[in-house]
């Protein structure tokens, strides 16, 4: 039914658990996977203190190194179970937009994401990239907890 899954990852525990389940699902569907990690754009004025400590080059290099680490884990897990996996690092201020754009441009027919389970005031204030993906895409989304 599904032939190309987009698998966003942020390296968190819920994301790692979702990766294992998504790859098993991809294997059962005989689907290929595109894994994505979105890194923020560098801004001189920011609420992210790590950006204030680094130069643009240091920040970008650190973000990309971390992204490659997260994506290497997905690729390794995919290879172990025999699932074709390609990975992308995308720079964007709004991860949900990068996820939706990548899914559409790559011809993905399913986005598989983790829910971090934020509820109440914390969920309202921090927002949810998963919720934003759900409300801004026409592609089916499978949310795992």
Protein backbone atom coordinates (compact mmCIF):
# COMPACT_ATOMS: atom_id res chain seq x y z
CA UNK A 1 0.00 0.00 0.00
CA UNK A 2 2.70 2.51 0.99
CA UNK A 3 5.87 2.65 -1.09
CA UNK A 4 7.83 5.64 0.22
CA UNK A 5 7.87 6.74 3.86
CA UNK A 6 9.26 10.00 5.21
CA UNK A 7 10.74 9.52 8.67
CA UNK A 8 11.60 12.74 10.53
CA UNK A 9 13.95 12.27 13.49
CA UNK A 10 15.20 14.57 16.21
CA UNK A 11 17.33 12.00 18.02
CA UNK A 12 15.03 11.83 21.06
CA UNK A 13 13.95 8.58 22.74
CA UNK A 14 10.41 8.77 21.28
CA UNK A 15 11.91 9.41 17.84
CA UNK A 16 14.26 6.42 18.15
CA UNK A 17 11.36 4.16 19.16
CA UNK A 18 9.35 5.43 16.20
CA UNK A 19 12.29 4.77 13.89
CA UNK A 20 12.38 1.08 14.82
CA UNK A 21 8.62 0.70 14.33
CA UNK A 22 8.60 2.70 11.09
CA UNK A 23 11.43 0.66 9.59
CA UNK A 24 9.67 -2.59 10.46
CA UNK A 25 6.49 -1.22 8.86
CA UNK A 26 8.50 -0.21 5.76
CA UNK A 27 9.91 -3.72 5.52
CA UNK A 28 6.43 -5.24 5.72
CA UNK A 29 5.20 -2.84 3.04
CA UNK A 30 8.33 -3.32 0.90
CA UNK A 31 8.69 0.46 1.01
CA UNK A 32 11.73 2.67 0.94
CA UNK A 33 12.43 5.32 3.56
CA UNK A 34 13.70 8.87 3.45
CA UNK A 35 14.93 9.98 6.86
CA UNK A 36 15.10 13.71 7.58
CA UNK A 37 16.51 15.89 10.32
CA UNK A 38 15.75 19.61 10.27
CA UNK A 39 18.33 22.03 11.64
CA UNK A 40 17.48 25.63 12.46
CA UNK A 41 18.70 28.54 10.41
CA UNK A 42 21.38 30.58 12.21
CA UNK A 43 20.16 33.95 13.50
CA UNK A 44 22.16 36.64 15.26
CA UNK A 45 19.15 37.57 17.39
CA UNK A 46 17.63 34.44 18.82
CA UNK A 47 16.09 32.78 21.84
CA UNK A 48 18.44 29.80 21.38
CA UNK A 49 21.45 30.51 23.57
CA UNK A 50 23.65 28.08 21.62
CA UNK A 51 23.41 30.40 18.63
CA UNK A 52 24.70 33.31 20.71
CA UNK A 53 27.82 31.39 21.77
CA UNK A 54 28.87 30.21 18.31
CA UNK A 55 29.86 31.80 15.06
CA UNK A 56 27.61 30.97 12.14
CA UNK A 57 30.14 28.41 10.86
CA UNK A 58 30.49 26.72 14.26
CA UNK A 59 26.75 26.54 14.74
CA UNK A 60 26.11 25.11 11.27
CA UNK A 61 28.94 22.57 11.62
CA UNK A 62 27.69 21.44 15.05
CA UNK A 63 24.08 21.12 13.88
CA UNK A 64 25.05 19.16 10.78
CA UNK A 65 27.33 16.84 12.77
CA UNK A 66 24.52 16.12 15.20
CA UNK A 67 22.09 15.58 12.31
CA UNK A 68 24.48 13.15 10.62
CA UNK A 69 24.77 11.23 13.89
CA UNK A 70 20.98 10.90 14.21
CA UNK A 71 20.56 9.96 10.56
CA UNK A 72 23.43 7.46 10.63
CA UNK A 73 21.53 5.56 13.33
CA UNK A 74 18.43 5.42 11.12
CA UNK A 75 20.48 4.27 8.12
CA UNK A 76 22.24 1.60 10.22
CA UNK A 77 18.94 0.27 11.56
CA UNK A 78 17.46 0.25 8.05
CA UNK A 79 20.43 -1.62 6.63
CA UNK A 80 20.22 -4.23 9.41
CA UNK A 81 16.67 -5.18 8.43
CA UNK A 82 17.08 -4.72 4.70
CA UNK A 83 15.13 -1.49 4.09
CA UNK A 84 16.31 1.01 1.49
CA UNK A 85 17.00 4.31 3.26
CA UNK A 86 18.15 7.70 2.07
CA UNK A 87 18.74 10.58 4.49
CA UNK A 88 18.58 14.35 4.28
CA UNK A 89 19.65 17.25 6.46
CA UNK A 90 17.43 20.27 5.80
CA UNK A 91 17.94 23.78 7.18
CA UNK A 92 14.70 25.59 7.96
CA UNK A 93 13.21 27.76 10.71
CA UNK A 94 9.99 25.75 10.75
CA UNK A 95 10.57 21.98 10.90
CA UNK A 96 6.97 21.15 9.99
CA UNK A 97 7.28 23.11 6.74
CA UNK A 98 10.55 21.36 5.88
CA UNK A 99 8.96 17.98 6.62
CA UNK A 100 5.87 18.69 4.53
CA UNK A 101 7.86 20.18 1.65
CA UNK A 102 10.30 17.26 1.62
CA UNK A 103 7.48 14.71 1.70
CA UNK A 104 5.78 16.37 -1.26
CA UNK A 105 8.97 16.91 -3.29
CA UNK A 106 10.23 13.37 -2.65
CA UNK A 107 6.95 11.70 -3.60
CA UNK A 108 6.41 10.20 -0.15
CA UNK A 109 3.02 8.61 0.40
CA UNK A 110 3.25 8.44 4.22
CA UNK A 111 4.93 10.51 6.94
CA UNK A 112 5.73 8.54 10.11
CA UNK A 113 6.41 10.68 13.19
CA UNK A 114 6.73 10.41 16.94
CA UNK A 115 4.43 12.18 19.33
CA UNK A 116 6.30 13.53 22.31
CA UNK A 117 3.12 13.52 24.36
CA UNK A 118 3.19 17.14 25.50
CA UNK A 119 -0.18 18.08 26.89
CA UNK A 120 -1.84 20.94 28.66
CA UNK A 121 -0.03 24.25 29.04
CA UNK A 122 3.36 22.80 28.08
CA UNK A 123 1.93 21.45 24.82
CA UNK A 124 0.17 24.74 24.13
CA UNK A 125 3.25 26.89 24.79
CA UNK A 126 5.84 24.68 23.11
CA UNK A 127 3.58 23.62 20.30
CA UNK A 128 3.95 20.38 18.47
CA UNK A 129 5.74 19.88 15.20
CA UNK A 130 3.73 16.70 14.76
CA UNK A 131 0.48 18.64 15.18
CA UNK A 132 1.66 21.24 12.68
CA UNK A 133 2.58 18.55 10.15
CA UNK A 134 -0.86 16.98 10.62
CA UNK A 135 -2.69 20.24 10.02
CA UNK A 136 -0.62 21.43 7.05
CA UNK A 137 -0.17 18.37 4.84
CA UNK A 138 -2.35 16.46 2.42
CA UNK A 139 -0.14 13.36 2.81
CA UNK A 140 -1.24 10.72 5.34
CA UNK A 141 0.60 10.89 8.67
CA UNK A 142 1.12 7.96 11.04
CA UNK A 143 1.80 9.22 14.57
CA UNK A 144 3.39 6.78 17.01
CA UNK A 145 3.81 7.13 20.77
